[in-house]
């Protein structure tokens, strides 16, 4: 049985995928844990322990965040909407 989970998803602005920027993973206390560049289609993926996390998207001229709850062995899909 997996001891971690996958937190993955997409960053959108105005309903369209964002092709440049970063996704950050913050723990329950808001502390920085990891950062990955967005794919050309706005997608990101993290491997994390179960618990409550915040995915923060940082893109040119905009940002946004989404709280997620990760359960052991169950992938989490997140959609992060960014705005200026």
Protein backbone atom coordinates (compact mmCIF):
# COMPACT_ATOMS: atom_id res chain seq x y z
CA UNK A 1 0.00 0.00 0.00
CA UNK A 2 1.31 3.44 -0.92
CA UNK A 3 2.41 5.71 1.93
CA UNK A 4 2.03 8.84 -0.16
CA UNK A 5 -0.48 10.34 -2.51
CA UNK A 6 -0.41 12.25 -5.77
CA UNK A 7 -1.70 15.81 -5.85
CA UNK A 8 -2.13 16.86 -9.46
CA UNK A 9 -4.18 19.22 -11.51
CA UNK A 10 -4.34 22.22 -13.77
CA UNK A 11 -3.95 25.98 -13.45
CA UNK A 12 -6.44 28.08 -15.41
CA UNK A 13 -7.08 31.77 -16.01
CA UNK A 14 -10.44 32.75 -17.46
CA UNK A 15 -11.20 29.06 -17.96
CA UNK A 16 -8.13 28.50 -20.17
CA UNK A 17 -4.97 26.57 -19.15
CA UNK A 18 -1.97 28.71 -18.18
CA UNK A 19 1.19 27.66 -20.02
CA UNK A 20 3.85 29.39 -17.91
CA UNK A 21 4.37 29.71 -14.19
CA UNK A 22 4.81 27.56 -11.12
CA UNK A 23 2.73 25.53 -8.69
CA UNK A 24 3.77 25.52 -5.03
CA UNK A 25 2.76 23.02 -2.40
CA UNK A 26 2.26 24.42 1.11
CA UNK A 27 1.69 22.32 4.22
CA UNK A 28 -1.09 22.79 6.80
CA UNK A 29 0.85 25.61 8.47
CA UNK A 30 1.36 27.43 5.17
CA UNK A 31 5.05 26.50 4.98
CA UNK A 32 6.69 25.94 1.59
CA UNK A 33 7.19 22.25 0.77
CA UNK A 34 7.78 22.01 -2.99
CA UNK A 35 7.54 23.87 -6.28
CA UNK A 36 7.24 22.63 -9.86
CA UNK A 37 7.00 24.44 -13.20
CA UNK A 38 3.66 24.20 -15.01
CA UNK A 39 3.56 22.11 -18.18
CA UNK A 40 2.71 23.72 -21.52
CA UNK A 41 -0.91 22.73 -20.81
CA UNK A 42 -0.98 24.18 -17.27
CA UNK A 43 -0.62 20.87 -15.46
CA UNK A 44 1.35 20.05 -12.30
CA UNK A 45 2.00 17.02 -10.07
CA UNK A 46 3.30 16.55 -6.53
CA UNK A 47 3.94 13.47 -4.41
CA UNK A 48 3.02 14.13 -0.79
CA UNK A 49 2.01 12.53 2.48
CA UNK A 50 -1.68 12.35 3.37
CA UNK A 51 -3.13 15.49 4.95
CA UNK A 52 -4.35 18.99 4.18
CA UNK A 53 -2.36 20.96 1.62
CA UNK A 54 -2.60 24.21 -0.31
CA UNK A 55 -1.63 24.40 -3.97
CA UNK A 56 -0.62 27.96 -4.86
CA UNK A 57 -0.20 28.93 -8.51
CA UNK A 58 2.17 31.74 -9.43
CA UNK A 59 1.93 32.92 -13.02
CA UNK A 60 2.95 36.19 -14.71
CA UNK A 61 0.67 38.91 -13.32
CA UNK A 62 -1.63 36.56 -11.39
CA UNK A 63 -1.90 34.04 -8.57
CA UNK A 64 -4.43 31.75 -6.95
CA UNK A 65 -4.68 28.86 -4.54
CA UNK A 66 -6.75 25.80 -3.75
CA UNK A 67 -6.89 23.76 -0.54
CA UNK A 68 -6.92 19.99 -0.97
CA UNK A 69 -7.15 16.99 1.34
CA UNK A 70 -4.96 14.05 0.36
CA UNK A 71 -5.77 10.50 1.47
CA UNK A 72 -3.21 7.72 1.40
CA UNK A 73 -3.07 5.98 -1.98
CA UNK A 74 -5.80 8.16 -3.55
CA UNK A 75 -4.84 10.73 -6.22
CA UNK A 76 -6.20 14.24 -5.70
CA UNK A 77 -7.27 16.38 -8.67
CA UNK A 78 -7.05 20.15 -8.15
CA UNK A 79 -8.13 23.01 -10.40
CA UNK A 80 -6.50 26.30 -9.45
CA UNK A 81 -8.05 29.46 -10.89
CA UNK A 82 -5.70 32.45 -11.00
CA UNK A 83 -6.55 36.12 -11.22
CA UNK A 84 -4.60 39.38 -11.11
